[in-house]
Protein backbone atom coordinates (compact mmCIF):
# COMPACT_ATOMS: atom_id res chain seq x y z
CA UNK A 1 -33.19 -24.71 -20.27
CA UNK A 2 -29.83 -24.90 -22.01
CA UNK A 3 -26.82 -23.19 -20.58
CA UNK A 4 -26.71 -20.76 -23.49
CA UNK A 5 -30.15 -19.32 -22.85
CA UNK A 6 -29.97 -15.89 -21.28
CA UNK A 7 -33.38 -14.66 -20.23
CA UNK A 8 -31.93 -11.55 -18.55
CA UNK A 9 -33.32 -12.38 -15.12
CA UNK A 10 -30.82 -9.87 -13.81
CA UNK A 11 -33.16 -6.99 -14.73
CA UNK A 12 -35.93 -8.55 -12.69
CA UNK A 13 -33.60 -8.66 -9.67
CA UNK A 14 -32.57 -5.04 -10.22
CA UNK A 15 -36.24 -4.03 -10.42
CA UNK A 16 -37.12 -5.86 -7.21
CA UNK A 17 -34.25 -4.23 -5.31
CA UNK A 18 -35.40 -0.76 -6.36
CA UNK A 19 -39.12 -1.49 -5.82
CA UNK A 20 -38.60 -2.84 -2.32
CA UNK A 21 -36.40 0.14 -1.45
CA UNK A 22 -39.13 2.55 -2.54
CA UNK A 23 -41.65 0.66 -0.39
CA UNK A 24 -39.19 0.70 2.50
CA UNK A 25 -38.81 4.47 2.36
CA UNK A 26 -42.54 4.86 3.22
CA UNK A 27 -41.89 3.46 6.66
CA UNK A 28 -38.34 2.09 7.19
CA UNK A 29 -38.96 0.58 10.62
CA UNK A 30 -42.27 -1.03 9.70
CA UNK A 31 -41.26 -2.59 6.42
CA UNK A 32 -37.72 -3.37 7.58
CA UNK A 33 -39.20 -5.46 10.38
CA UNK A 34 -41.90 -7.01 8.17
CA UNK A 35 -39.56 -8.15 5.36
CA UNK A 36 -36.36 -8.96 7.29
CA UNK A 37 -35.26 -12.51 8.09
CA UNK A 38 -36.28 -13.46 11.63
CA UNK A 39 -36.07 -17.04 12.81
CA UNK A 40 -38.97 -16.82 15.24
CA UNK A 41 -41.20 -15.20 12.61
CA UNK A 42 -40.22 -17.83 10.08
CA UNK A 43 -41.11 -20.60 12.48
CA UNK A 44 -44.57 -19.00 12.81
CA UNK A 45 -45.18 -19.43 9.09
CA UNK A 46 -43.96 -16.12 7.71
CA UNK A 47 -42.08 -17.87 4.89
CA UNK A 48 -41.85 -14.78 2.63
CA UNK A 49 -38.95 -13.63 4.78
CA UNK A 50 -36.74 -16.25 3.13
CA UNK A 51 -37.12 -14.30 -0.08
CA UNK A 52 -37.73 -10.66 0.93
CA UNK A 53 -34.90 -10.08 3.44
CA UNK A 54 -32.39 -9.65 0.63
CA UNK A 55 -34.22 -6.61 -0.73
CA UNK A 56 -34.16 -4.57 2.49
CA UNK A 57 -31.27 -2.07 2.45
CA UNK A 58 -29.71 -0.24 5.35
CA UNK A 59 -29.26 2.94 3.26
CA UNK A 60 -29.45 4.37 -0.23
CA UNK A 61 -25.67 4.05 -0.49
CA UNK A 62 -25.75 0.32 0.21
CA UNK A 63 -28.50 -0.03 -2.40
CA UNK A 64 -26.34 1.79 -4.94
CA UNK A 65 -23.28 -0.42 -4.45
CA UNK A 66 -25.37 -3.61 -4.39
CA UNK A 67 -27.06 -2.60 -7.66
CA UNK A 68 -23.70 -1.66 -9.18
CA UNK A 69 -22.10 -5.00 -8.35
CA UNK A 70 -25.23 -6.91 -9.40
CA UNK A 71 -25.37 -5.14 -12.75
CA UNK A 72 -21.66 -5.15 -13.67
CA UNK A 73 -20.80 -8.63 -12.48
CA UNK A 74 -24.20 -10.31 -12.60
CA UNK A 75 -24.70 -9.45 -16.27
CA UNK A 76 -21.40 -11.04 -17.20
CA UNK A 77 -22.03 -14.11 -15.05
CA UNK A 78 -25.52 -14.67 -16.44
CA UNK A 79 -24.29 -14.15 -19.99
CA UNK A 80 -21.50 -16.72 -19.47
CA UNK A 81 -23.39 -19.38 -17.52
CA UNK A 82 -26.94 -18.92 -18.85
CA UNK A 83 -29.98 -17.95 -16.77
CA UNK A 84 -30.50 -21.43 -15.29
CA UNK A 85 -27.06 -21.67 -13.64
CA UNK A 86 -27.13 -18.03 -12.65
CA UNK A 87 -30.43 -18.36 -10.81
CA UNK A 88 -29.32 -21.54 -9.04
CA UNK A 89 -26.17 -19.72 -7.94
CA UNK A 90 -28.29 -16.77 -6.76
CA UNK A 91 -30.73 -18.94 -4.81
CA UNK A 92 -27.94 -20.89 -3.17
CA UNK A 93 -26.39 -17.61 -2.00
CA UNK A 94 -29.73 -16.59 -0.52
CA UNK A 95 -30.41 -19.98 1.11
CA UNK A 96 -26.87 -20.33 2.45
CA UNK A 97 -26.98 -17.00 4.23
CA UNK A 98 -30.48 -17.64 5.61
CA UNK A 99 -29.52 -21.10 6.79
CA UNK A 100 -26.61 -19.73 8.83
CA UNK A 101 -28.80 -16.97 10.25
CA UNK A 102 -31.45 -19.58 11.17
CA UNK A 103 -28.97 -21.87 12.92
CA UNK A 104 -27.31 -19.09 14.89
CA UNK A 105 -30.48 -17.15 15.52
CA UNK A 106 -29.56 -13.66 14.26
CA UNK A 107 -31.64 -11.39 12.00
CA UNK A 108 -30.68 -10.73 8.41
CA UNK A 109 -31.29 -7.97 5.90
CA UNK A 110 -29.64 -6.92 2.63
CA UNK A 111 -28.09 -8.60 -0.41
CA UNK A 112 -24.46 -8.20 0.69
CA UNK A 113 -24.12 -11.99 0.62
CA UNK A 114 -24.68 -12.00 -3.13
CA UNK A 115 -22.12 -9.26 -3.63
CA UNK A 116 -19.48 -11.48 -2.06
CA UNK A 117 -20.55 -14.53 -4.10
CA UNK A 118 -20.63 -12.66 -7.38
CA UNK A 119 -17.31 -11.01 -6.74
CA UNK A 120 -15.59 -14.33 -5.96
CA UNK A 121 -17.05 -16.05 -9.04
CA UNK A 122 -16.37 -13.10 -11.31
CA UNK A 123 -12.80 -12.80 -10.09
CA UNK A 124 -12.18 -16.47 -10.75
CA UNK A 125 -13.58 -16.12 -14.30
CA UNK A 126 -11.76 -12.94 -15.35
CA UNK A 127 -9.08 -12.26 -12.69
CA UNK A 128 -7.13 -9.77 -14.78
CA UNK A 129 -10.00 -7.41 -15.52
CA UNK A 130 -9.29 -3.92 -14.19
CA UNK A 131 -11.70 -1.66 -12.41
CA UNK A 132 -11.03 2.02 -11.78
CA UNK A 133 -11.85 2.99 -8.22
CA UNK A 134 -13.31 6.52 -8.23
CA UNK A 135 -12.46 6.49 -11.96
CA UNK A 136 -8.78 6.97 -11.06
CA UNK A 137 -7.20 4.08 -9.17
CA UNK A 138 -6.81 0.92 -11.30
CA UNK A 139 -7.36 -2.32 -9.39
CA UNK A 140 -7.59 -5.81 -10.86
CA UNK A 141 -10.72 -7.67 -9.82
CA UNK A 142 -8.70 -10.53 -8.31
CA UNK A 143 -7.23 -8.14 -5.73
CA UNK A 144 -10.68 -6.84 -4.93
CA UNK A 145 -11.76 -10.42 -4.29
CA UNK A 146 -8.79 -11.01 -1.98
CA UNK A 147 -9.61 -7.81 -0.07
CA UNK A 148 -13.23 -8.84 0.28
CA UNK A 149 -12.15 -12.29 1.51
CA UNK A 150 -9.85 -10.71 4.09
CA UNK A 151 -12.64 -8.48 5.31
CA UNK A 152 -14.95 -11.46 5.55
CA UNK A 153 -12.32 -13.36 7.48
CA UNK A 154 -11.93 -10.47 9.89
CA UNK A 155 -15.68 -10.35 10.30
CA UNK A 156 -15.76 -14.07 11.11
CA UNK A 157 -13.11 -13.62 13.77
CA UNK A 158 -14.99 -10.72 15.33
CA UNK A 159 -18.28 -12.65 15.03
CA UNK A 160 -19.95 -10.14 12.79
CA UNK A 161 -23.40 -11.46 11.83
CA UNK A 162 -23.22 -9.91 8.37
CA UNK A 163 -19.89 -11.56 7.64
CA UNK A 164 -21.07 -14.90 9.01
CA UNK A 165 -24.19 -14.71 6.84
CA UNK A 166 -22.20 -13.70 3.77
CA UNK A 167 -19.77 -16.57 4.35
CA UNK A 168 -22.63 -19.07 4.46
CA UNK A 169 -24.05 -17.81 1.14
CA UNK A 170 -20.66 -17.60 -0.52
CA UNK A 171 -19.61 -21.07 0.62
CA UNK A 172 -22.76 -22.76 -0.74
CA UNK A 173 -22.91 -20.85 -4.04
CA UNK A 174 -19.16 -21.17 -4.71
CA UNK A 175 -19.34 -24.92 -4.07
CA UNK A 176 -21.95 -25.07 -6.82
CA UNK A 177 -19.66 -23.01 -9.06
CA UNK A 178 -16.57 -25.16 -8.53
CA UNK A 179 -18.28 -28.58 -8.66
CA UNK A 180 -20.94 -27.93 -11.32
CA UNK A 181 -20.42 -24.81 -13.39
CA UNK A 182 -16.64 -24.66 -13.70
CA UNK A 183 -16.28 -28.28 -14.67
CA UNK A 184 -18.91 -28.27 -17.40
CA UNK A 185 -17.64 -28.22 -21.00
CA UNK A 186 -16.54 -24.71 -21.95
CA UNK A 187 -18.72 -22.81 -24.40
CA UNK A 188 -15.77 -21.04 -25.92
CA UNK A 189 -13.69 -23.97 -27.06
CA UNK A 190 -15.95 -24.28 -30.10
CA UNK A 191 -14.55 -21.07 -31.60
CA UNK A 192 -11.71 -21.88 -34.00
CA UNK A 193 -9.55 -19.65 -36.16
CA UNK A 194 -9.82 -20.03 -39.93
CA UNK A 195 -6.54 -22.02 -40.04
CA UNK A 196 -7.83 -24.41 -37.39
CA UNK A 197 -11.09 -24.85 -39.33
CA UNK A 198 -9.08 -25.94 -42.35
CA UNK A 199 -7.26 -28.61 -40.37
CA UNK A 200 -9.14 -31.84 -39.86
CA UNK A 201 -7.49 -32.97 -36.66
CA UNK A 202 -6.28 -29.89 -34.84
CA UNK A 203 -6.72 -30.31 -31.07
CA UNK A 204 -8.98 -27.82 -29.29
CA UNK A 205 -6.91 -24.96 -27.87
CA UNK A 206 -7.00 -23.99 -24.23
CA UNK A 207 -8.76 -20.82 -23.16
CA UNK A 208 -5.61 -18.70 -23.23
CA UNK A 209 -4.41 -20.21 -26.51
CA UNK A 210 -7.81 -19.45 -27.98
CA UNK A 211 -7.50 -15.86 -26.77
CA UNK A 212 -4.11 -15.55 -28.44
CA UNK A 213 -5.45 -17.11 -31.64
CA UNK A 214 -8.43 -14.76 -31.72
CA UNK A 215 -6.26 -11.74 -31.10
CA UNK A 216 -3.89 -12.82 -33.88
CA UNK A 217 -6.87 -13.30 -36.16
CA UNK A 218 -8.11 -9.82 -35.37
CA UNK A 219 -4.73 -8.36 -36.25
CA UNK A 220 -5.10 -10.02 -39.67
CA UNK A 221 -8.61 -8.64 -39.92
CA UNK A 222 -7.37 -5.11 -39.17
CA UNK A 223 -4.71 -5.35 -41.85
CA UNK A 224 -7.31 -6.50 -44.39
CA UNK A 225 -9.58 -3.61 -43.41
CA UNK A 226 -7.23 -1.29 -45.29
CA UNK A 227 -7.23 -3.50 -48.36
CA UNK A 228 -9.58 -3.90 -51.31
CA UNK A 229 -13.29 -4.59 -51.18
CA UNK A 230 -12.70 -8.11 -52.45
CA UNK A 231 -10.17 -8.80 -49.64
CA UNK A 232 -12.53 -7.47 -47.00
CA UNK A 233 -15.43 -9.46 -48.29
CA UNK A 234 -13.29 -12.59 -48.45
CA UNK A 235 -12.30 -12.13 -44.81
CA UNK A 236 -15.91 -11.55 -43.81
CA UNK A 237 -16.88 -14.84 -45.51
CA UNK A 238 -14.15 -16.69 -43.60
CA UNK A 239 -15.22 -15.19 -40.28
CA UNK A 240 -18.89 -15.89 -41.01
CA UNK A 241 -18.15 -19.58 -41.47
CA UNK A 242 -16.55 -19.65 -38.03
CA UNK A 243 -19.54 -18.10 -36.25
CA UNK A 244 -21.10 -20.15 -33.43
CA UNK A 245 -24.92 -19.93 -33.68
CA UNK A 246 -27.06 -18.73 -30.79
CA UNK A 247 -24.50 -16.52 -29.06
CA UNK A 248 -25.56 -13.21 -27.54
CA UNK A 249 -23.42 -10.51 -29.13
CA UNK A 250 -22.52 -7.26 -27.39
CA UNK A 251 -23.55 -3.94 -28.97
CA UNK A 252 -20.86 -2.35 -31.15
CA UNK A 253 -19.82 0.16 -28.48
CA UNK A 254 -18.82 -2.68 -26.15
CA UNK A 255 -16.70 -4.55 -28.70
CA UNK A 256 -13.12 -4.29 -27.41
CA UNK A 257 -10.98 -7.07 -28.95
CA UNK A 258 -7.68 -5.57 -27.82
CA UNK A 259 -8.69 -4.72 -24.25
CA UNK A 260 -6.20 -5.61 -21.54
CA UNK A 261 -8.69 -7.81 -19.62
CA UNK A 262 -8.86 -10.16 -22.69
CA UNK A 263 -12.47 -10.95 -21.87
CA UNK A 264 -13.86 -10.30 -25.35
CA UNK A 265 -11.18 -12.26 -27.18
CA UNK A 266 -12.04 -15.33 -25.11
CA UNK A 267 -15.73 -15.06 -26.04
CA UNK A 268 -17.27 -17.57 -28.44
CA UNK A 269 -18.90 -14.65 -30.30
CA UNK A 270 -15.52 -13.17 -31.24
CA UNK A 271 -15.67 -14.25 -34.89
CA UNK A 272 -19.13 -12.74 -35.29
CA UNK A 273 -17.99 -9.48 -33.70
CA UNK A 274 -14.94 -9.34 -35.97
CA UNK A 275 -17.09 -9.91 -39.02
CA UNK A 276 -19.47 -7.21 -37.89
CA UNK A 277 -16.57 -4.82 -37.24
CA UNK A 278 -15.19 -5.47 -40.74
CA UNK A 279 -18.68 -5.05 -42.27
CA UNK A 280 -19.01 -1.67 -40.63
CA UNK A 281 -15.67 -0.65 -42.06
CA UNK A 282 -16.77 -1.84 -45.50
CA UNK A 283 -19.93 0.26 -45.19
CA UNK A 284 -17.93 3.30 -44.14
CA UNK A 285 -15.47 2.88 -47.02
CA UNK A 286 -18.30 2.62 -49.54
CA UNK A 287 -19.89 5.90 -48.48
């Protein structure tokens, strides 16, 4: 499996969370006990608990927030890393939490450990992205990560089993992120502006320089959008030559090249999105 392959395993995980919750509602005490992580039960051969404990939720509210974090952040992480790295990260979070619970002998339920791991990785990838709490209060994701880390630290001091388990999962998965995923060659450095493509020996720009170059290129694309058909088609041809094959492209509604979080303009599919945007303008102008 190459790192660009995205098999959308996230949707399988979302389905499993919902399916297990529906099963759990039939008899919360029975199924909560049957699927939770218990060291003594595991030692007796009930190995499914290593996998199923993460799908047992304490309430519908906890399920909602876990699904929300998994969908919003997990989709971006899987898209960026590829399904292979994402699943390894996920499994390490699960194993890390279970290992701590096994060593210390406390029970474990829920996927809170993955919420911490995903939040930390996501915040390191796009620290400036802004979320709106209750659709009103803007908070950058990096500050959410710091708050989560502080809460985890407080839980460790007070010996909260959930915080200890989450710390084990986060530590193992983030070690994989820092030592394996983060240091691999970036996918985005292959995207060059038209001027860079014309130069034979232009050094590869850094991530931020690439974002600036893409944004500048989009400003040029916008100015050409108001020009003649020949100018628009010429720009589309230039952008098409700069497309990186095999990149998953967002639907048109999600294309936001001038967004404050700068996520899209650092994407290797930016040239393709820009060409598509200009093509849509060309179609609208011809009607």
